[in-house]
Amino acid sequence: NDNFKEISSSTPLKDVPAGCILIYDRGVGGYSSEHGHIEIKTDDGRAVSDGITDNLYKRPSHIFMPV
């Protein structure tokens, strides 16, 4: 999608801007080995999906930043 650009997944999540999409492939970060997981980084240093977490110590497979 032209509205996002991929940034390095090794970027510390505390440094990732709000609005970025965090994608965890299957089994990455302890998430589902069948489906994986997707979150959105918030401006208060957390991530949301179907809940709100402070789990910003995990390393996503991909990070997409809105442009």
C-alpha atoms as a PDB file:
ATOM      1  CA  ASN A   1       0.000   0.000   0.000  1.00  0.00           C
ATOM      2  CA  ASP A   2       1.430   3.384  -0.974  1.00  0.00           C
ATOM      3  CA  ASN A   3       0.242   4.878   2.335  1.00  0.00           C
ATOM      4  CA  PHE A   4       2.836   2.864   4.291  1.00  0.00           C
ATOM      5  CA  LYS A   5       6.543   2.152   4.031  1.00  0.00           C
ATOM      6  CA  GLU A   6       8.337  -0.736   5.692  1.00  0.00           C
ATOM      7  CA  ILE A   7      10.976   0.184   8.258  1.00  0.00           C
ATOM      8  CA  SER A   8      13.552  -2.094   9.857  1.00  0.00           C
ATOM      9  CA  SER A   9      12.050  -4.628  12.239  1.00  0.00           C
ATOM     10  CA  SER A  10      15.183  -4.250  14.365  1.00  0.00           C
ATOM     11  CA  THR A  11      14.137  -0.673  15.251  1.00  0.00           C
ATOM     12  CA  PRO A  12      13.529  -0.555  19.022  1.00  0.00           C
ATOM     13  CA  LEU A  13       9.751  -0.445  19.460  1.00  0.00           C
ATOM     14  CA  LYS A  14      10.037   2.484  21.872  1.00  0.00           C
ATOM     15  CA  ASP A  15      11.433   4.462  18.899  1.00  0.00           C
ATOM     16  CA  VAL A  16       8.718   3.419  16.428  1.00  0.00           C
ATOM     17  CA  PRO A  17       6.228   6.265  15.773  1.00  0.00           C
ATOM     18  CA  ALA A  18       2.576   5.999  16.772  1.00  0.00           C
ATOM     19  CA  GLY A  19       0.389   4.582  14.026  1.00  0.00           C
ATOM     20  CA  CYS A  20       2.914   2.023  12.847  1.00  0.00           C
ATOM     21  CA  ILE A  21       1.609  -1.463  12.093  1.00  0.00           C
ATOM     22  CA  LEU A  22       3.519  -4.249  13.887  1.00  0.00           C
ATOM     23  CA  ILE A  23       3.236  -7.616  12.158  1.00  0.00           C
ATOM     24  CA  TYR A  24       4.282 -10.854  13.824  1.00  0.00           C
ATOM     25  CA  ASP A  25       4.558 -13.843  11.488  1.00  0.00           C
ATOM     26  CA  ARG A  26       3.272 -17.229  12.640  1.00  0.00           C
ATOM     27  CA  GLY A  27       4.892 -18.232  15.942  1.00  0.00           C
ATOM     28  CA  VAL A  28       6.981 -15.048  16.275  1.00  0.00           C
ATOM     29  CA  GLY A  29       7.055 -13.351  19.676  1.00  0.00           C
ATOM     30  CA  GLY A  30       5.050 -16.132  21.286  1.00  0.00           C
ATOM     31  CA  TYR A  31       1.969 -15.363  19.202  1.00  0.00           C
ATOM     32  CA  SER A  32      -0.148 -17.957  17.364  1.00  0.00           C
ATOM     33  CA  SER A  33       1.802 -20.552  15.390  1.00  0.00           C
ATOM     34  CA  GLU A  34      -1.197 -20.807  13.081  1.00  0.00           C
ATOM     35  CA  HIS A  35      -2.135 -17.168  12.437  1.00  0.00           C
ATOM     36  CA  GLY A  36       0.517 -14.764  13.771  1.00  0.00           C
ATOM     37  CA  HIS A  37      -0.510 -11.365  15.154  1.00  0.00           C
ATOM     38  CA  ILE A  38      -0.947  -7.691  14.155  1.00  0.00           C
ATOM     39  CA  GLU A  39      -0.857  -4.595  16.406  1.00  0.00           C
ATOM     40  CA  ILE A  40      -0.864  -0.808  16.021  1.00  0.00           C
ATOM     41  CA  LYS A  41       1.623   1.283  18.026  1.00  0.00           C
ATOM     42  CA  THR A  42      -0.038   4.019  20.105  1.00  0.00           C
ATOM     43  CA  ASP A  43       1.281   7.442  21.104  1.00  0.00           C
ATOM     44  CA  ASP A  44       1.438   6.429  24.772  1.00  0.00           C
ATOM     45  CA  GLY A  45       4.030   3.703  24.143  1.00  0.00           C
ATOM     46  CA  ARG A  46       1.686   0.726  23.984  1.00  0.00           C
ATOM     47  CA  ALA A  47       0.210  -1.441  21.234  1.00  0.00           C
ATOM     48  CA  VAL A  48      -3.406  -2.287  20.423  1.00  0.00           C
ATOM     49  CA  SER A  49      -5.116  -5.096  18.567  1.00  0.00           C
ATOM     50  CA  ASP A  50      -8.149  -6.715  20.163  1.00  0.00           C
ATOM     51  CA  GLY A  51      -6.710  -5.479  23.472  1.00  0.00           C
ATOM     52  CA  ILE A  52      -4.052  -3.076  24.763  1.00  0.00           C
ATOM     53  CA  THR A  53      -0.605  -4.324  25.772  1.00  0.00           C
ATOM     54  CA  ASP A  54       2.686  -3.030  27.080  1.00  0.00           C
ATOM     55  CA  ASN A  55       4.511  -5.861  25.261  1.00  0.00           C
ATOM     56  CA  LEU A  56       6.839  -3.637  23.296  1.00  0.00           C
ATOM     57  CA  TYR A  57       9.818  -5.832  24.138  1.00  0.00           C
ATOM     58  CA  LYS A  58       8.948  -8.361  21.397  1.00  0.00           C
ATOM     59  CA  ARG A  59      10.472  -8.061  17.928  1.00  0.00           C
ATOM     60  CA  PRO A  60       7.928  -8.014  15.090  1.00  0.00           C
ATOM     61  CA  SER A  61       8.612  -9.615  11.736  1.00  0.00           C
ATOM     62  CA  HIS A  62       7.660  -6.415   9.883  1.00  0.00           C
ATOM     63  CA  ILE A  63       6.929  -2.772  10.777  1.00  0.00           C
ATOM     64  CA  PHE A  64       4.998  -0.499   8.430  1.00  0.00           C
ATOM     65  CA  MET A  65       4.960   3.263   9.034  1.00  0.00           C
ATOM     66  CA  PRO A  66       2.235   5.548   7.659  1.00  0.00           C
ATOM     67  CA  VAL A  67       3.561   8.143   5.209  1.00  0.00           C
END
